[in-house]
Amino acid sequence: MIDPKTGLPPRYLRAPDAARFLGISIRTLEKHRTYGTGPTYRKIGGRIVYSVDDLQAWTEDGIRKSASEKTATRVFPARPLTPAEKASR
């Protein structure tokens, strides 16, 4: 599949590179994957890969202009979600 904007195929990063891209540890990214709170990923063979577009979209959920701002989306921590948090997704 070719990106219509760039004319290039989508770029995928392996987990260590994706963690570096996000500025978090590989272990935190693994926890996000386990708990379902992280970015969308793909499993190709035995390898986990992340689309750069998916990583950027996941970080967009955390955009805020002030600490008091109420937004419809939230980036959850790398832990099991409570029932209330699951319902708010």
PDB file of N, CA and C in Angstrom:
ATOM      1  N   MET A   1       0.844  -1.169   0.000  1.00  0.00           N
ATOM      2  CA  MET A   1       0.000   0.000   0.000  1.00  0.00           C
ATOM      3  C   MET A   1       0.897   1.242   0.000  1.00  0.00           C
ATOM      4  N   ILE A   2       0.662   2.139  -0.902  1.00  0.00           N
ATOM      5  CA  ILE A   2       1.469   3.345  -1.053  1.00  0.00           C
ATOM      6  C   ILE A   2       0.765   4.526  -0.401  1.00  0.00           C
ATOM      7  N   ASP A   3       1.530   5.324   0.333  1.00  0.00           N
ATOM      8  CA  ASP A   3       0.997   6.538   0.948  1.00  0.00           C
ATOM      9  C   ASP A   3       0.767   7.556  -0.166  1.00  0.00           C
ATOM     10  N   PRO A   4      -0.475   8.030  -0.354  1.00  0.00           N
ATOM     11  CA  PRO A   4      -0.742   8.974  -1.447  1.00  0.00           C
ATOM     12  C   PRO A   4      -0.008  10.307  -1.285  1.00  0.00           C
ATOM     13  N   LYS A   5       0.319  10.699  -0.053  1.00  0.00           N
ATOM     14  CA  LYS A   5       1.008  11.974   0.166  1.00  0.00           C
ATOM     15  C   LYS A   5       2.475  11.921  -0.256  1.00  0.00           C
ATOM     16  N   THR A   6       3.130  10.806   0.074  1.00  0.00           N
ATOM     17  CA  THR A   6       4.570  10.724  -0.170  1.00  0.00           C
ATOM     18  C   THR A   6       4.949   9.834  -1.343  1.00  0.00           C
ATOM     19  N   GLY A   7       4.045   8.928  -1.729  1.00  0.00           N
ATOM     20  CA  GLY A   7       4.373   7.994  -2.789  1.00  0.00           C
ATOM     21  C   GLY A   7       5.252   6.846  -2.315  1.00  0.00           C
ATOM     22  N   LEU A   8       5.438   6.738  -0.990  1.00  0.00           N
ATOM     23  CA  LEU A   8       6.289   5.699  -0.411  1.00  0.00           C
ATOM     24  C   LEU A   8       5.455   4.691   0.367  1.00  0.00           C
ATOM     25  N   PRO A   9       5.967   3.480   0.543  1.00  0.00           N
ATOM     26  CA  PRO A   9       5.241   2.523   1.384  1.00  0.00           C
ATOM     27  C   PRO A   9       5.283   2.985   2.839  1.00  0.00           C
ATOM     28  N   PRO A  10       4.329   2.543   3.668  1.00  0.00           N
ATOM     29  CA  PRO A  10       4.321   2.960   5.070  1.00  0.00           C
ATOM     30  C   PRO A  10       5.578   2.487   5.776  1.00  0.00           C
ATOM     31  N   ARG A  11       6.013   3.233   6.758  1.00  0.00           N
ATOM     32  CA  ARG A  11       7.228   2.916   7.493  1.00  0.00           C
ATOM     33  C   ARG A  11       6.865   2.203   8.789  1.00  0.00           C
ATOM     34  N   TYR A  12       7.531   1.107   9.067  1.00  0.00           N
ATOM     35  CA  TYR A  12       7.301   0.342  10.278  1.00  0.00           C
ATOM     36  C   TYR A  12       8.563   0.301  11.118  1.00  0.00           C
ATOM     37  N   LEU A  13       8.376   0.396  12.437  1.00  0.00           N
ATOM     38  CA  LEU A  13       9.488   0.343  13.367  1.00  0.00           C
ATOM     39  C   LEU A  13       9.340  -0.878  14.256  1.00  0.00           C
ATOM     40  N   ARG A  14      10.443  -1.546  14.541  1.00  0.00           N
ATOM     41  CA  ARG A  14      10.430  -2.633  15.509  1.00  0.00           C
ATOM     42  C   ARG A  14      10.276  -2.006  16.893  1.00  0.00           C
ATOM     43  N   ALA A  15       9.916  -2.811  17.873  1.00  0.00           N
ATOM     44  CA  ALA A  15       9.589  -2.311  19.210  1.00  0.00           C
ATOM     45  C   ALA A  15      10.681  -1.429  19.832  1.00  0.00           C
ATOM     46  N   PRO A  16      11.964  -1.810  19.809  1.00  0.00           N
ATOM     47  CA  PRO A  16      12.970  -0.929  20.415  1.00  0.00           C
ATOM     48  C   PRO A  16      13.030   0.454  19.754  1.00  0.00           C
ATOM     49  N   ASP A  17      12.902   0.483  18.428  1.00  0.00           N
ATOM     50  CA  ASP A  17      12.930   1.761  17.713  1.00  0.00           C
ATOM     51  C   ASP A  17      11.652   2.563  17.973  1.00  0.00           C
ATOM     52  N   ALA A  18      10.523   1.872  18.095  1.00  0.00           N
ATOM     53  CA  ALA A  18       9.255   2.551  18.391  1.00  0.00           C
ATOM     54  C   ALA A  18       9.310   3.180  19.787  1.00  0.00           C
ATOM     55  N   ALA A  19       9.878   2.456  20.749  1.00  0.00           N
ATOM     56  CA  ALA A  19      10.011   2.997  22.107  1.00  0.00           C
ATOM     57  C   ALA A  19      10.905   4.231  22.095  1.00  0.00           C
ATOM     58  N   ARG A  20      11.997   4.172  21.367  1.00  0.00           N
ATOM     59  CA  ARG A  20      12.901   5.320  21.254  1.00  0.00           C
ATOM     60  C   ARG A  20      12.186   6.494  20.591  1.00  0.00           C
ATOM     61  N   PHE A  21      11.405   6.213  19.560  1.00  0.00           N
ATOM     62  CA  PHE A  21      10.636   7.246  18.850  1.00  0.00           C
ATOM     63  C   PHE A  21       9.688   7.963  19.814  1.00  0.00           C
ATOM     64  N   LEU A  22       9.055   7.189  20.718  1.00  0.00           N
ATOM     65  CA  LEU A  22       8.094   7.749  21.664  1.00  0.00           C
ATOM     66  C   LEU A  22       8.758   8.360  22.896  1.00  0.00           C
ATOM     67  N   GLY A  23      10.021   8.021  23.123  1.00  0.00           N
ATOM     68  CA  GLY A  23      10.717   8.527  24.298  1.00  0.00           C
ATOM     69  C   GLY A  23      10.363   7.775  25.571  1.00  0.00           C
ATOM     70  N   ILE A  24       9.981   6.501  25.428  1.00  0.00           N
ATOM     71  CA  ILE A  24       9.667   5.668  26.589  1.00  0.00           C
ATOM     72  C   ILE A  24      10.544   4.422  26.532  1.00  0.00           C
ATOM     73  N   SER A  25      10.582   3.676  27.629  1.00  0.00           N
ATOM     74  CA  SER A  25      11.399   2.470  27.654  1.00  0.00           C
ATOM     75  C   SER A  25      10.710   1.352  26.877  1.00  0.00           C
ATOM     76  N   ILE A  26      11.505   0.396  26.425  1.00  0.00           N
ATOM     77  CA  ILE A  26      10.945  -0.755  25.714  1.00  0.00           C
ATOM     78  C   ILE A  26      10.004  -1.523  26.639  1.00  0.00           C
ATOM     79  N   ARG A  27      10.333  -1.586  27.920  1.00  0.00           N
ATOM     80  CA  ARG A  27       9.501  -2.294  28.890  1.00  0.00           C
ATOM     81  C   ARG A  27       8.135  -1.610  29.029  1.00  0.00           C
ATOM     82  N   THR A  28       8.112  -0.295  29.057  1.00  0.00           N
ATOM     83  CA  THR A  28       6.838   0.426  29.138  1.00  0.00           C
ATOM     84  C   THR A  28       6.005   0.168  27.897  1.00  0.00           C
ATOM     85  N   LEU A  29       6.639   0.162  26.730  1.00  0.00           N
ATOM     86  CA  LEU A  29       5.912  -0.127  25.493  1.00  0.00           C
ATOM     87  C   LEU A  29       5.353  -1.549  25.515  1.00  0.00           C
ATOM     88  N   GLU A  30       6.121  -2.507  26.050  1.00  0.00           N
ATOM     89  CA  GLU A  30       5.639  -3.883  26.178  1.00  0.00           C
ATOM     90  C   GLU A  30       4.426  -3.951  27.102  1.00  0.00           C
ATOM     91  N   LYS A  31       4.479  -3.213  28.212  1.00  0.00           N
ATOM     92  CA  LYS A  31       3.341  -3.192  29.139  1.00  0.00           C
ATOM     93  C   LYS A  31       2.108  -2.601  28.462  1.00  0.00           C
ATOM     94  N   HIS A  32       2.284  -1.526  27.720  1.00  0.00           N
ATOM     95  CA  HIS A  32       1.153  -0.936  26.988  1.00  0.00           C
ATOM     96  C   HIS A  32       0.550  -1.970  26.040  1.00  0.00           C
ATOM     97  N   ARG A  33       1.391  -2.728  25.371  1.00  0.00           N
ATOM     98  CA  ARG A  33       0.902  -3.747  24.435  1.00  0.00           C
ATOM     99  C   ARG A  33       0.138  -4.831  25.195  1.00  0.00           C
ATOM    100  N   THR A  34       0.657  -5.256  26.342  1.00  0.00           N
ATOM    101  CA  THR A  34       0.015  -6.296  27.145  1.00  0.00           C
ATOM    102  C   THR A  34      -1.348  -5.858  27.657  1.00  0.00           C
ATOM    103  N   TYR A  35      -1.436  -4.621  28.137  1.00  0.00           N
ATOM    104  CA  TYR A  35      -2.681  -4.128  28.731  1.00  0.00           C
ATOM    105  C   TYR A  35      -3.635  -3.510  27.716  1.00  0.00           C
ATOM    106  N   GLY A  36      -3.204  -3.367  26.479  1.00  0.00           N
ATOM    107  CA  GLY A  36      -4.074  -2.794  25.457  1.00  0.00           C
ATOM    108  C   GLY A  36      -4.223  -1.293  25.554  1.00  0.00           C
ATOM    109  N   THR A  37      -3.276  -0.617  26.207  1.00  0.00           N
ATOM    110  CA  THR A  37      -3.361   0.831  26.382  1.00  0.00           C
ATOM    111  C   THR A  37      -2.449   1.595  25.434  1.00  0.00           C
ATOM    112  N   GLY A  38      -1.682   0.886  24.638  1.00  0.00           N
ATOM    113  CA  GLY A  38      -0.685   1.530  23.790  1.00  0.00           C
ATOM    114  C   GLY A  38      -1.120   1.712  22.355  1.00  0.00           C
ATOM    115  N   PRO A  39      -0.159   2.062  21.519  1.00  0.00           N
ATOM    116  CA  PRO A  39      -0.454   2.262  20.104  1.00  0.00           C
ATOM    117  C   PRO A  39      -0.771   0.946  19.410  1.00  0.00           C
ATOM    118  N   THR A  40      -1.469   1.058  18.292  1.00  0.00           N
ATOM    119  CA  THR A  40      -1.775  -0.109  17.471  1.00  0.00           C
ATOM    120  C   THR A  40      -0.477  -0.708  16.963  1.00  0.00           C
ATOM    121  N   TYR A  41      -0.413  -2.035  16.961  1.00  0.00           N
ATOM    122  CA  TYR A  41       0.789  -2.708  16.461  1.00  0.00           C
ATOM    123  C   TYR A  41       0.390  -3.840  15.534  1.00  0.00           C
ATOM    124  N   ARG A  42       1.376  -4.350  14.846  1.00  0.00           N
ATOM    125  CA  ARG A  42       1.170  -5.485  13.951  1.00  0.00           C
ATOM    126  C   ARG A  42       2.153  -6.579  14.330  1.00  0.00           C
ATOM    127  N   LYS A  43       1.713  -7.811  14.210  1.00  0.00           N
ATOM    128  CA  LYS A  43       2.600  -8.937  14.456  1.00  0.00           C
ATOM    129  C   LYS A  43       2.819  -9.631  13.117  1.00  0.00           C
ATOM    130  N   ILE A  44       4.038  -9.574  12.656  1.00  0.00           N
ATOM    131  CA  ILE A  44       4.393 -10.163  11.362  1.00  0.00           C
ATOM    132  C   ILE A  44       5.394 -11.276  11.646  1.00  0.00           C
ATOM    133  N   GLY A  45       4.956 -12.516  11.437  1.00  0.00           N
ATOM    134  CA  GLY A  45       5.780 -13.632  11.872  1.00  0.00           C
ATOM    135  C   GLY A  45       5.852 -13.579  13.387  1.00  0.00           C
ATOM    136  N   GLY A  46       7.026 -13.554  13.938  1.00  0.00           N
ATOM    137  CA  GLY A  46       7.179 -13.421  15.378  1.00  0.00           C
ATOM    138  C   GLY A  46       7.582 -12.024  15.795  1.00  0.00           C
ATOM    139  N   ARG A  47       7.544 -11.076  14.873  1.00  0.00           N
ATOM    140  CA  ARG A  47       8.020  -9.726  15.147  1.00  0.00           C
ATOM    141  C   ARG A  47       6.873  -8.753  15.353  1.00  0.00           C
ATOM    142  N   ILE A  48       7.055  -7.884  16.320  1.00  0.00           N
ATOM    143  CA  ILE A  48       6.100  -6.805  16.583  1.00  0.00           C
ATOM    144  C   ILE A  48       6.619  -5.567  15.871  1.00  0.00           C
ATOM    145  N   VAL A  49       5.762  -4.945  15.068  1.00  0.00           N
ATOM    146  CA  VAL A  49       6.137  -3.701  14.391  1.00  0.00           C
ATOM    147  C   VAL A  49       5.033  -2.664  14.583  1.00  0.00           C
ATOM    148  N   TYR A  50       5.463  -1.407  14.560  1.00  0.00           N
ATOM    149  CA  TYR A  50       4.556  -0.277  14.736  1.00  0.00           C
ATOM    150  C   TYR A  50       4.677   0.645  13.535  1.00  0.00           C
ATOM    151  N   SER A  51       3.558   1.086  13.009  1.00  0.00           N
ATOM    152  CA  SER A  51       3.555   2.080  11.950  1.00  0.00           C
ATOM    153  C   SER A  51       3.869   3.438  12.578  1.00  0.00           C
ATOM    154  N   VAL A  52       4.698   4.221  11.918  1.00  0.00           N
ATOM    155  CA  VAL A  52       5.016   5.564  12.405  1.00  0.00           C
ATOM    156  C   VAL A  52       3.729   6.384  12.518  1.00  0.00           C
ATOM    157  N   ASP A  53       2.834   6.238  11.564  1.00  0.00           N
ATOM    158  CA  ASP A  53       1.551   6.959  11.613  1.00  0.00           C
ATOM    159  C   ASP A  53       0.736   6.568  12.843  1.00  0.00           C
ATOM    160  N   ASP A  54       0.724   5.268  13.194  1.00  0.00           N
ATOM    161  CA  ASP A  54      -0.012   4.812  14.379  1.00  0.00           C
ATOM    162  C   ASP A  54       0.617   5.359  15.660  1.00  0.00           C
ATOM    163  N   LEU A  55       1.945   5.422  15.710  1.00  0.00           N
ATOM    164  CA  LEU A  55       2.624   5.976  16.885  1.00  0.00           C
ATOM    165  C   LEU A  55       2.278   7.451  17.056  1.00  0.00           C
ATOM    166  N   GLN A  56       2.302   8.182  15.955  1.00  0.00           N
ATOM    167  CA  GLN A  56       1.969   9.607  16.018  1.00  0.00           C
ATOM    168  C   GLN A  56       0.509   9.813  16.399  1.00  0.00           C
ATOM    169  N   ALA A  57      -0.386   8.984  15.875  1.00  0.00           N
ATOM    170  CA  ALA A  57      -1.810   9.105  16.203  1.00  0.00           C
ATOM    171  C   ALA A  57      -2.037   8.828  17.690  1.00  0.00           C
ATOM    172  N   TRP A  58      -1.322   7.860  18.255  1.00  0.00           N
ATOM    173  CA  TRP A  58      -1.475   7.537  19.670  1.00  0.00           C
ATOM    174  C   TRP A  58      -1.031   8.717  20.536  1.00  0.00           C
ATOM    175  N   THR A  59       0.045   9.377  20.144  1.00  0.00           N
ATOM    176  CA  THR A  59       0.516  10.517  20.930  1.00  0.00           C
ATOM    177  C   THR A  59      -0.437  11.708  20.804  1.00  0.00           C
ATOM    178  N   GLU A  60      -1.155  11.811  19.690  1.00  0.00           N
ATOM    179  CA  GLU A  60      -2.113  12.903  19.501  1.00  0.00           C
ATOM    180  C   GLU A  60      -3.221  12.859  20.561  1.00  0.00           C
ATOM    181  N   ASP A  61      -3.532  11.668  21.078  1.00  0.00           N
ATOM    182  CA  ASP A  61      -4.566  11.546  22.109  1.00  0.00           C
ATOM    183  C   ASP A  61      -4.190  12.308  23.375  1.00  0.00           C
ATOM    184  N   GLY A  62      -2.904  12.531  23.602  1.00  0.00           N
ATOM    185  CA  GLY A  62      -2.466  13.198  24.816  1.00  0.00           C
ATOM    186  C   GLY A  62      -2.264  14.695  24.688  1.00  0.00           C
ATOM    187  N   ILE A  63      -2.630  15.273  23.554  1.00  0.00           N
ATOM    188  CA  ILE A  63      -2.417  16.707  23.350  1.00  0.00           C
ATOM    189  C   ILE A  63      -3.296  17.517  24.305  1.00  0.00           C
ATOM    190  N   ARG A  64      -2.671  18.462  24.978  1.00  0.00           N
ATOM    191  CA  ARG A  64      -3.374  19.364  25.894  1.00  0.00           C
ATOM    192  C   ARG A  64      -2.817  20.771  25.725  1.00  0.00           C
ATOM    193  N   LYS A  65      -3.635  21.772  25.985  1.00  0.00           N
ATOM    194  CA  LYS A  65      -3.170  23.162  25.999  1.00  0.00           C
ATOM    195  C   LYS A  65      -2.963  23.645  27.423  1.00  0.00           C
ATOM    196  N   SER A  66      -3.660  23.018  28.378  1.00  0.00           N
ATOM    197  CA  SER A  66      -3.477  23.364  29.788  1.00  0.00           C
ATOM    198  C   SER A  66      -3.778  22.130  30.632  1.00  0.00           C
ATOM    199  N   ALA A  67      -3.323  22.169  31.882  1.00  0.00           N
ATOM    200  CA  ALA A  67      -3.532  21.031  32.780  1.00  0.00           C
ATOM    201  C   ALA A  67      -5.003  20.838  33.130  1.00  0.00           C
ATOM    202  N   SER A  68      -5.785  21.895  33.061  1.00  0.00           N
ATOM    203  CA  SER A  68      -7.200  21.801  33.433  1.00  0.00           C
ATOM    204  C   SER A  68      -8.107  21.454  32.258  1.00  0.00           C
ATOM    205  N   GLU A  69      -7.539  21.340  31.086  1.00  0.00           N
ATOM    206  CA  GLU A  69      -8.342  21.067  29.882  1.00  0.00           C
ATOM    207  C   GLU A  69      -8.995  19.694  29.952  1.00  0.00           C
ATOM    208  N   LYS A  70     -10.256  19.648  29.637  1.00  0.00           N
ATOM    209  CA  LYS A  70     -11.003  18.392  29.558  1.00  0.00           C
ATOM    210  C   LYS A  70     -11.103  17.994  28.088  1.00  0.00           C
ATOM    211  N   THR A  71     -10.635  16.804  27.764  1.00  0.00           N
ATOM    212  CA  THR A  71     -10.698  16.349  26.380  1.00  0.00           C
ATOM    213  C   THR A  71     -11.411  15.007  26.314  1.00  0.00           C
ATOM    214  N   ALA A  72     -11.830  14.648  25.133  1.00  0.00           N
ATOM    215  CA  ALA A  72     -12.560  13.405  24.941  1.00  0.00           C
ATOM    216  C   ALA A  72     -11.634  12.191  24.954  1.00  0.00           C
ATOM    217  N   THR A  73     -10.348  12.395  24.699  1.00  0.00           N
ATOM    218  CA  THR A  73      -9.431  11.263  24.635  1.00  0.00           C
ATOM    219  C   THR A  73      -8.375  11.364  25.727  1.00  0.00           C
ATOM    220  N   ARG A  74      -7.781  10.227  26.019  1.00  0.00           N
ATOM    221  CA  ARG A  74      -6.794  10.170  27.086  1.00  0.00           C
ATOM    222  C   ARG A  74      -5.804   9.065  26.774  1.00  0.00           C
ATOM    223  N   VAL A  75      -4.530   9.299  27.056  1.00  0.00           N
ATOM    224  CA  VAL A  75      -3.518   8.256  26.967  1.00  0.00           C
ATOM    225  C   VAL A  75      -3.418   7.649  28.357  1.00  0.00           C
ATOM    226  N   PHE A  76      -3.800   6.392  28.484  1.00  0.00           N
ATOM    227  CA  PHE A  76      -3.806   5.724  29.775  1.00  0.00           C
ATOM    228  C   PHE A  76      -2.407   5.235  30.139  1.00  0.00           C
ATOM    229  N   PRO A  77      -2.140   5.066  31.447  1.00  0.00           N
ATOM    230  CA  PRO A  77      -0.846   4.528  31.862  1.00  0.00           C
ATOM    231  C   PRO A  77      -0.734   3.052  31.500  1.00  0.00           C
ATOM    232  N   ALA A  78       0.485   2.538  31.562  1.00  0.00           N
ATOM    233  CA  ALA A  78       0.745   1.136  31.220  1.00  0.00           C
ATOM    234  C   ALA A  78       0.412   0.254  32.414  1.00  0.00           C
ATOM    235  N   ARG A  79      -0.870   0.010  32.617  1.00  0.00           N
ATOM    236  CA  ARG A  79      -1.365  -0.856  33.690  1.00  0.00           C
ATOM    237  C   ARG A  79      -2.752  -1.331  33.301  1.00  0.00           C
ATOM    238  N   PRO A  80      -3.268  -2.366  33.984  1.00  0.00           N
ATOM    239  CA  PRO A  80      -4.636  -2.792  33.671  1.00  0.00           C
ATOM    240  C   PRO A  80      -5.616  -1.653  33.936  1.00  0.00           C
ATOM    241  N   LEU A  81      -6.574  -1.489  33.063  1.00  0.00           N
ATOM    242  CA  LEU A  81      -7.565  -0.418  33.205  1.00  0.00           C
ATOM    243  C   LEU A  81      -8.675  -0.841  34.152  1.00  0.00           C
ATOM    244  N   THR A  82      -9.190   0.132  34.889  1.00  0.00           N
ATOM    245  CA  THR A  82     -10.343  -0.116  35.743  1.00  0.00           C
ATOM    246  C   THR A  82     -11.588  -0.218  34.858  1.00  0.00           C
ATOM    247  N   PRO A  83     -12.674  -0.776  35.358  1.00  0.00           N
ATOM    248  CA  PRO A  83     -13.901  -0.828  34.553  1.00  0.00           C
ATOM    249  C   PRO A  83     -14.374   0.538  34.088  1.00  0.00           C
ATOM    250  N   ALA A  84     -14.218   1.560  34.941  1.00  0.00           N
ATOM    251  CA  ALA A  84     -14.627   2.920  34.552  1.00  0.00           C
ATOM    252  C   ALA A  84     -13.759   3.447  33.425  1.00  0.00           C
ATOM    253  N   GLU A  85     -12.450   3.177  33.480  1.00  0.00           N
ATOM    254  CA  GLU A  85     -11.546   3.620  32.419  1.00  0.00           C
ATOM    255  C   GLU A  85     -11.845   2.904  31.106  1.00  0.00           C
ATOM    256  N   LYS A  86     -12.147   1.616  31.187  1.00  0.00           N
ATOM    257  CA  LYS A  86     -12.499   0.855  29.985  1.00  0.00           C
ATOM    258  C   LYS A  86     -13.752   1.428  29.340  1.00  0.00           C
ATOM    259  N   ALA A  87     -14.719   1.814  30.170  1.00  0.00           N
ATOM    260  CA  ALA A  87     -15.981   2.359  29.656  1.00  0.00           C
ATOM    261  C   ALA A  87     -15.770   3.720  28.997  1.00  0.00           C
ATOM    262  N   SER A  88     -14.760   4.477  29.450  1.00  0.00           N
ATOM    263  CA  SER A  88     -14.546   5.812  28.900  1.00  0.00           C
ATOM    264  C   SER A  88     -13.740   5.807  27.605  1.00  0.00           C
ATOM    265  N   ARG A  89     -13.249   4.674  27.186  1.00  0.00           N
ATOM    266  CA  ARG A  89     -12.443   4.593  25.967  1.00  0.00           C
ATOM    267  C   ARG A  89     -13.265   4.728  24.766  1.00  0.00           C
TER     268      ARG A  89
END
